[in-house]
């Protein structure tokens, strides 16, 4: 009998230990993650683990889409040679035009993707709800990145970067299906800054009586 009581006591102690560890390591709430998200434009000089990049993409495509068509394609680039080559080609294409001045003024300038070590490209076909669908996908990725200790920045600038004819080979190398158009890219990396949240105009919100 004493052995049974001792065994039960050990089990209870073990379960309490698991409970304490689990609760002390509880994840942030969704609201906290949303409020912690920032657009990051400075990154540490370190690679992002491919497991994390893969997981970000998986959480991205977990987003809802119109009629669940999932009409999007995601490409992840963490190849430094690709990123540097694309940067060099773009800077050569716009030399003297002032298009990259704001980036070149950055004393820590590394590449045209906000100096990030990894970039996630998102494409979708033309369609009534395409912009909504890829927007939901991108928000999933940006919020998941916060939970992983990563930073992101949404880059609409890639649309005019890849409009330069000399960058066609880089765009083609992303391998998007026929009929799919690049919509934006997400810079991804470990943040090297902690910007304050920008004010939000809550007067944009109202109830309809």
C-alpha atoms as a PDB file:
ATOM      1  CA  UNK A   1       0.000   0.000   0.000  1.00  0.00           C
ATOM      2  CA  UNK A   2       2.790   2.397   0.897  1.00  0.00           C
ATOM      3  CA  UNK A   3       4.392   1.689  -2.491  1.00  0.00           C
ATOM      4  CA  UNK A   4       1.140   2.546  -4.277  1.00  0.00           C
ATOM      5  CA  UNK A   5       0.801   5.831  -2.341  1.00  0.00           C
ATOM      6  CA  UNK A   6       4.439   6.697  -3.068  1.00  0.00           C
ATOM      7  CA  UNK A   7       3.955   5.949  -6.777  1.00  0.00           C
ATOM      8  CA  UNK A   8       0.846   8.153  -6.895  1.00  0.00           C
ATOM      9  CA  UNK A   9       2.718  10.953  -5.145  1.00  0.00           C
ATOM     10  CA  UNK A  10       5.540  10.757  -7.669  1.00  0.00           C
ATOM     11  CA  UNK A  11       3.050  10.854 -10.564  1.00  0.00           C
ATOM     12  CA  UNK A  12       1.307  13.924  -9.130  1.00  0.00           C
ATOM     13  CA  UNK A  13       4.660  15.642  -8.612  1.00  0.00           C
ATOM     14  CA  UNK A  14       5.687  14.887 -12.193  1.00  0.00           C
ATOM     15  CA  UNK A  15       2.396  16.181 -13.582  1.00  0.00           C
ATOM     16  CA  UNK A  16       2.671  19.372 -11.543  1.00  0.00           C
ATOM     17  CA  UNK A  17       6.189  19.835 -12.870  1.00  0.00           C
ATOM     18  CA  UNK A  18       4.977  19.482 -16.452  1.00  0.00           C
ATOM     19  CA  UNK A  19       2.163  21.960 -15.755  1.00  0.00           C
ATOM     20  CA  UNK A  20       4.531  24.546 -14.281  1.00  0.00           C
ATOM     21  CA  UNK A  21       6.983  24.243 -17.179  1.00  0.00           C
ATOM     22  CA  UNK A  22       4.188  24.393 -19.751  1.00  0.00           C
ATOM     23  CA  UNK A  23       2.489  27.431 -18.238  1.00  0.00           C
ATOM     24  CA  UNK A  24       5.764  29.289 -17.661  1.00  0.00           C
ATOM     25  CA  UNK A  25       6.649  28.807 -21.336  1.00  0.00           C
ATOM     26  CA  UNK A  26       3.217  29.724 -22.675  1.00  0.00           C
ATOM     27  CA  UNK A  27       3.192  31.500 -26.002  1.00  0.00           C
ATOM     28  CA  UNK A  28       2.202  35.101 -26.518  1.00  0.00           C
ATOM     29  CA  UNK A  29      -1.435  35.792 -27.212  1.00  0.00           C
ATOM     30  CA  UNK A  30      -2.489  36.641 -30.751  1.00  0.00           C
ATOM     31  CA  UNK A  31      -3.167  40.220 -29.655  1.00  0.00           C
ATOM     32  CA  UNK A  32       0.334  40.549 -28.202  1.00  0.00           C
ATOM     33  CA  UNK A  33       1.927  39.225 -31.391  1.00  0.00           C
ATOM     34  CA  UNK A  34      -0.099  41.634 -33.530  1.00  0.00           C
ATOM     35  CA  UNK A  35       0.893  44.595 -31.362  1.00  0.00           C
ATOM     36  CA  UNK A  36       4.561  43.517 -31.357  1.00  0.00           C
ATOM     37  CA  UNK A  37       4.867  43.349 -35.153  1.00  0.00           C
ATOM     38  CA  UNK A  38       7.030  46.019 -36.760  1.00  0.00           C
ATOM     39  CA  UNK A  39       8.365  46.661 -40.245  1.00  0.00           C
ATOM     40  CA  UNK A  40      12.054  45.854 -39.813  1.00  0.00           C
ATOM     41  CA  UNK A  41      14.603  47.518 -42.069  1.00  0.00           C
ATOM     42  CA  UNK A  42      17.813  46.499 -40.304  1.00  0.00           C
ATOM     43  CA  UNK A  43      18.890  42.888 -39.853  1.00  0.00           C
ATOM     44  CA  UNK A  44      21.685  41.034 -38.121  1.00  0.00           C
ATOM     45  CA  UNK A  45      24.344  39.536 -40.352  1.00  0.00           C
ATOM     46  CA  UNK A  46      23.197  35.966 -39.791  1.00  0.00           C
ATOM     47  CA  UNK A  47      21.297  33.444 -41.829  1.00  0.00           C
ATOM     48  CA  UNK A  48      17.758  32.392 -41.018  1.00  0.00           C
ATOM     49  CA  UNK A  49      17.398  28.675 -40.464  1.00  0.00           C
ATOM     50  CA  UNK A  50      15.665  26.967 -43.383  1.00  0.00           C
ATOM     51  CA  UNK A  51      13.377  25.147 -40.966  1.00  0.00           C
ATOM     52  CA  UNK A  52      12.029  28.515 -39.835  1.00  0.00           C
ATOM     53  CA  UNK A  53      11.655  29.808 -43.391  1.00  0.00           C
ATOM     54  CA  UNK A  54       9.793  26.645 -44.380  1.00  0.00           C
ATOM     55  CA  UNK A  55       7.523  26.951 -41.361  1.00  0.00           C
ATOM     56  CA  UNK A  56       6.783  30.593 -42.172  1.00  0.00           C
ATOM     57  CA  UNK A  57       5.705  29.611 -45.677  1.00  0.00           C
ATOM     58  CA  UNK A  58       3.556  26.782 -44.328  1.00  0.00           C
ATOM     59  CA  UNK A  59       1.806  29.137 -41.917  1.00  0.00           C
ATOM     60  CA  UNK A  60       1.408  31.620 -44.758  1.00  0.00           C
ATOM     61  CA  UNK A  61      -0.512  29.181 -46.952  1.00  0.00           C
ATOM     62  CA  UNK A  62      -2.676  28.254 -43.971  1.00  0.00           C
ATOM     63  CA  UNK A  63      -4.429  31.579 -44.602  1.00  0.00           C
ATOM     64  CA  UNK A  64      -8.004  31.626 -45.894  1.00  0.00           C
ATOM     65  CA  UNK A  65      -8.591  32.238 -49.587  1.00  0.00           C
ATOM     66  CA  UNK A  66     -11.671  32.860 -51.698  1.00  0.00           C
ATOM     67  CA  UNK A  67     -13.478  29.546 -52.195  1.00  0.00           C
ATOM     68  CA  UNK A  68     -10.324  27.893 -50.836  1.00  0.00           C
ATOM     69  CA  UNK A  69      -8.700  28.063 -54.258  1.00  0.00           C
ATOM     70  CA  UNK A  70      -5.282  28.804 -52.733  1.00  0.00           C
ATOM     71  CA  UNK A  71      -4.268  30.629 -55.890  1.00  0.00           C
ATOM     72  CA  UNK A  72      -0.858  31.729 -54.757  1.00  0.00           C
ATOM     73  CA  UNK A  73       2.729  30.600 -55.093  1.00  0.00           C
ATOM     74  CA  UNK A  74       5.544  31.201 -52.646  1.00  0.00           C
ATOM     75  CA  UNK A  75       9.271  31.201 -53.381  1.00  0.00           C
ATOM     76  CA  UNK A  76      11.948  31.471 -50.689  1.00  0.00           C
ATOM     77  CA  UNK A  77      15.396  32.844 -51.523  1.00  0.00           C
ATOM     78  CA  UNK A  78      18.210  32.668 -48.973  1.00  0.00           C
ATOM     79  CA  UNK A  79      20.997  32.305 -51.529  1.00  0.00           C
ATOM     80  CA  UNK A  80      23.398  35.194 -50.898  1.00  0.00           C
ATOM     81  CA  UNK A  81      24.835  34.975 -54.406  1.00  0.00           C
ATOM     82  CA  UNK A  82      21.333  35.332 -55.891  1.00  0.00           C
ATOM     83  CA  UNK A  83      20.463  38.277 -53.641  1.00  0.00           C
ATOM     84  CA  UNK A  84      23.795  40.021 -54.263  1.00  0.00           C
ATOM     85  CA  UNK A  85      23.617  39.378 -58.003  1.00  0.00           C
ATOM     86  CA  UNK A  86      20.098  40.756 -58.197  1.00  0.00           C
ATOM     87  CA  UNK A  87      21.187  43.818 -56.239  1.00  0.00           C
ATOM     88  CA  UNK A  88      24.166  44.444 -58.516  1.00  0.00           C
ATOM     89  CA  UNK A  89      22.041  44.074 -61.649  1.00  0.00           C
ATOM     90  CA  UNK A  90      19.400  46.481 -60.362  1.00  0.00           C
ATOM     91  CA  UNK A  91      21.888  49.127 -59.262  1.00  0.00           C
ATOM     92  CA  UNK A  92      23.558  48.949 -62.664  1.00  0.00           C
ATOM     93  CA  UNK A  93      20.182  49.294 -64.411  1.00  0.00           C
ATOM     94  CA  UNK A  94      19.139  52.435 -62.507  1.00  0.00           C
ATOM     95  CA  UNK A  95      22.532  54.078 -62.112  1.00  0.00           C
ATOM     96  CA  UNK A  96      22.182  57.856 -62.190  1.00  0.00           C
ATOM     97  CA  UNK A  97      18.381  57.749 -62.043  1.00  0.00           C
ATOM     98  CA  UNK A  98      18.058  58.271 -58.278  1.00  0.00           C
ATOM     99  CA  UNK A  99      15.784  55.249 -57.818  1.00  0.00           C
ATOM    100  CA  UNK A 100      18.056  53.585 -55.264  1.00  0.00           C
ATOM    101  CA  UNK A 101      19.372  56.689 -53.510  1.00  0.00           C
ATOM    102  CA  UNK A 102      17.431  56.073 -50.313  1.00  0.00           C
ATOM    103  CA  UNK A 103      19.006  52.622 -49.999  1.00  0.00           C
ATOM    104  CA  UNK A 104      22.521  53.664 -50.929  1.00  0.00           C
ATOM    105  CA  UNK A 105      22.421  56.361 -48.252  1.00  0.00           C
ATOM    106  CA  UNK A 106      22.221  53.597 -45.662  1.00  0.00           C
ATOM    107  CA  UNK A 107      25.774  53.176 -44.288  1.00  0.00           C
ATOM    108  CA  UNK A 108      25.002  49.499 -43.662  1.00  0.00           C
ATOM    109  CA  UNK A 109      23.661  48.873 -47.172  1.00  0.00           C
ATOM    110  CA  UNK A 110      23.985  45.241 -48.277  1.00  0.00           C
ATOM    111  CA  UNK A 111      21.165  44.560 -50.720  1.00  0.00           C
ATOM    112  CA  UNK A 112      18.006  45.985 -52.229  1.00  0.00           C
ATOM    113  CA  UNK A 113      15.791  43.785 -50.060  1.00  0.00           C
ATOM    114  CA  UNK A 114      16.267  45.994 -46.998  1.00  0.00           C
ATOM    115  CA  UNK A 115      19.541  44.176 -46.334  1.00  0.00           C
ATOM    116  CA  UNK A 116      17.682  41.018 -45.287  1.00  0.00           C
ATOM    117  CA  UNK A 117      19.431  37.625 -45.566  1.00  0.00           C
ATOM    118  CA  UNK A 118      16.271  35.954 -46.875  1.00  0.00           C
ATOM    119  CA  UNK A 119      13.377  37.014 -49.071  1.00  0.00           C
ATOM    120  CA  UNK A 120       9.956  35.413 -49.545  1.00  0.00           C
ATOM    121  CA  UNK A 121       8.333  36.182 -52.901  1.00  0.00           C
ATOM    122  CA  UNK A 122       4.574  35.849 -53.377  1.00  0.00           C
ATOM    123  CA  UNK A 123       2.753  35.594 -56.711  1.00  0.00           C
ATOM    124  CA  UNK A 124      -0.852  35.078 -57.760  1.00  0.00           C
ATOM    125  CA  UNK A 125      -2.882  35.097 -60.960  1.00  0.00           C
ATOM    126  CA  UNK A 126      -5.186  37.972 -61.851  1.00  0.00           C
ATOM    127  CA  UNK A 127      -8.537  37.543 -60.152  1.00  0.00           C
ATOM    128  CA  UNK A 128     -11.289  39.273 -58.245  1.00  0.00           C
ATOM    129  CA  UNK A 129      -9.956  38.291 -54.827  1.00  0.00           C
ATOM    130  CA  UNK A 130      -6.257  37.739 -55.581  1.00  0.00           C
ATOM    131  CA  UNK A 131      -5.055  40.835 -53.729  1.00  0.00           C
ATOM    132  CA  UNK A 132      -7.100  39.913 -50.662  1.00  0.00           C
ATOM    133  CA  UNK A 133      -5.833  36.329 -50.718  1.00  0.00           C
ATOM    134  CA  UNK A 134      -2.132  37.189 -50.914  1.00  0.00           C
ATOM    135  CA  UNK A 135      -2.606  39.918 -48.321  1.00  0.00           C
ATOM    136  CA  UNK A 136      -3.954  37.383 -45.844  1.00  0.00           C
ATOM    137  CA  UNK A 137      -1.060  35.049 -46.635  1.00  0.00           C
ATOM    138  CA  UNK A 138       1.506  37.782 -46.036  1.00  0.00           C
ATOM    139  CA  UNK A 139      -0.007  38.848 -42.739  1.00  0.00           C
ATOM    140  CA  UNK A 140       0.149  35.251 -41.507  1.00  0.00           C
ATOM    141  CA  UNK A 141       3.854  35.135 -42.323  1.00  0.00           C
ATOM    142  CA  UNK A 142       4.644  38.474 -40.700  1.00  0.00           C
ATOM    143  CA  UNK A 143       2.858  37.578 -37.479  1.00  0.00           C
ATOM    144  CA  UNK A 144       4.384  34.096 -37.335  1.00  0.00           C
ATOM    145  CA  UNK A 145       7.812  35.680 -37.757  1.00  0.00           C
ATOM    146  CA  UNK A 146       7.305  37.710 -34.577  1.00  0.00           C
ATOM    147  CA  UNK A 147       6.614  34.525 -32.625  1.00  0.00           C
ATOM    148  CA  UNK A 148       9.868  33.052 -33.990  1.00  0.00           C
ATOM    149  CA  UNK A 149      11.964  36.058 -33.026  1.00  0.00           C
ATOM    150  CA  UNK A 150      12.285  37.173 -36.639  1.00  0.00           C
ATOM    151  CA  UNK A 151      11.563  40.463 -38.331  1.00  0.00           C
ATOM    152  CA  UNK A 152       9.935  41.179 -41.677  1.00  0.00           C
ATOM    153  CA  UNK A 153       9.233  44.033 -44.039  1.00  0.00           C
ATOM    154  CA  UNK A 154       6.707  43.928 -46.856  1.00  0.00           C
ATOM    155  CA  UNK A 155       8.360  45.089 -50.078  1.00  0.00           C
ATOM    156  CA  UNK A 156       6.069  46.335 -52.799  1.00  0.00           C
ATOM    157  CA  UNK A 157       9.188  47.863 -54.350  1.00  0.00           C
ATOM    158  CA  UNK A 158      10.031  44.536 -55.986  1.00  0.00           C
ATOM    159  CA  UNK A 159       7.388  45.287 -58.610  1.00  0.00           C
ATOM    160  CA  UNK A 160       9.442  48.100 -60.107  1.00  0.00           C
ATOM    161  CA  UNK A 161      12.748  46.354 -59.328  1.00  0.00           C
ATOM    162  CA  UNK A 162      11.766  43.444 -61.550  1.00  0.00           C
ATOM    163  CA  UNK A 163      10.224  45.710 -64.157  1.00  0.00           C
ATOM    164  CA  UNK A 164      13.806  46.419 -65.247  1.00  0.00           C
ATOM    165  CA  UNK A 165      14.465  44.252 -68.339  1.00  0.00           C
ATOM    166  CA  UNK A 166      17.966  43.325 -67.181  1.00  0.00           C
ATOM    167  CA  UNK A 167      16.496  41.560 -64.146  1.00  0.00           C
ATOM    168  CA  UNK A 168      14.259  39.261 -66.177  1.00  0.00           C
ATOM    169  CA  UNK A 169      16.525  36.263 -65.559  1.00  0.00           C
ATOM    170  CA  UNK A 170      16.202  36.704 -61.796  1.00  0.00           C
ATOM    171  CA  UNK A 171      12.430  36.950 -62.013  1.00  0.00           C
ATOM    172  CA  UNK A 172      12.318  33.886 -64.274  1.00  0.00           C
ATOM    173  CA  UNK A 173      14.498  31.927 -61.855  1.00  0.00           C
ATOM    174  CA  UNK A 174      11.730  32.189 -59.246  1.00  0.00           C
ATOM    175  CA  UNK A 175       9.807  29.730 -61.400  1.00  0.00           C
ATOM    176  CA  UNK A 176       6.287  31.067 -61.012  1.00  0.00           C
ATOM    177  CA  UNK A 177       3.648  29.281 -63.055  1.00  0.00           C
ATOM    178  CA  UNK A 178       2.325  30.788 -66.267  1.00  0.00           C
ATOM    179  CA  UNK A 179      -0.302  33.419 -65.517  1.00  0.00           C
ATOM    180  CA  UNK A 180       1.064  34.126 -62.050  1.00  0.00           C
ATOM    181  CA  UNK A 181       2.302  37.643 -61.360  1.00  0.00           C
ATOM    182  CA  UNK A 182       4.665  38.729 -58.590  1.00  0.00           C
ATOM    183  CA  UNK A 183       2.686  40.753 -56.025  1.00  0.00           C
ATOM    184  CA  UNK A 184       5.213  41.552 -53.298  1.00  0.00           C
ATOM    185  CA  UNK A 185       8.140  40.177 -51.329  1.00  0.00           C
ATOM    186  CA  UNK A 186       8.836  39.868 -47.622  1.00  0.00           C
ATOM    187  CA  UNK A 187      12.285  40.632 -46.260  1.00  0.00           C
ATOM    188  CA  UNK A 188      13.051  38.173 -43.442  1.00  0.00           C
ATOM    189  CA  UNK A 189      15.835  38.109 -40.886  1.00  0.00           C
ATOM    190  CA  UNK A 190      16.842  38.554 -37.282  1.00  0.00           C
ATOM    191  CA  UNK A 191      16.052  42.171 -36.308  1.00  0.00           C
ATOM    192  CA  UNK A 192      18.908  44.570 -35.657  1.00  0.00           C
ATOM    193  CA  UNK A 193      16.566  47.323 -34.524  1.00  0.00           C
ATOM    194  CA  UNK A 194      13.538  47.728 -32.296  1.00  0.00           C
ATOM    195  CA  UNK A 195      11.430  50.563 -33.712  1.00  0.00           C
ATOM    196  CA  UNK A 196       8.550  52.019 -31.750  1.00  0.00           C
ATOM    197  CA  UNK A 197       5.045  51.408 -32.999  1.00  0.00           C
ATOM    198  CA  UNK A 198       3.692  54.089 -35.312  1.00  0.00           C
ATOM    199  CA  UNK A 199       0.497  55.813 -34.099  1.00  0.00           C
ATOM    200  CA  UNK A 200      -2.745  54.312 -35.339  1.00  0.00           C
ATOM    201  CA  UNK A 201      -5.763  56.501 -36.121  1.00  0.00           C
ATOM    202  CA  UNK A 202      -8.563  54.852 -34.171  1.00  0.00           C
ATOM    203  CA  UNK A 203     -11.018  57.436 -35.540  1.00  0.00           C
ATOM    204  CA  UNK A 204     -11.081  55.274 -38.657  1.00  0.00           C
ATOM    205  CA  UNK A 205     -13.208  52.841 -36.657  1.00  0.00           C
ATOM    206  CA  UNK A 206     -16.908  53.424 -36.037  1.00  0.00           C
ATOM    207  CA  UNK A 207     -20.100  51.505 -35.398  1.00  0.00           C
ATOM    208  CA  UNK A 208     -23.022  51.757 -37.787  1.00  0.00           C
ATOM    209  CA  UNK A 209     -26.213  52.316 -35.788  1.00  0.00           C
END
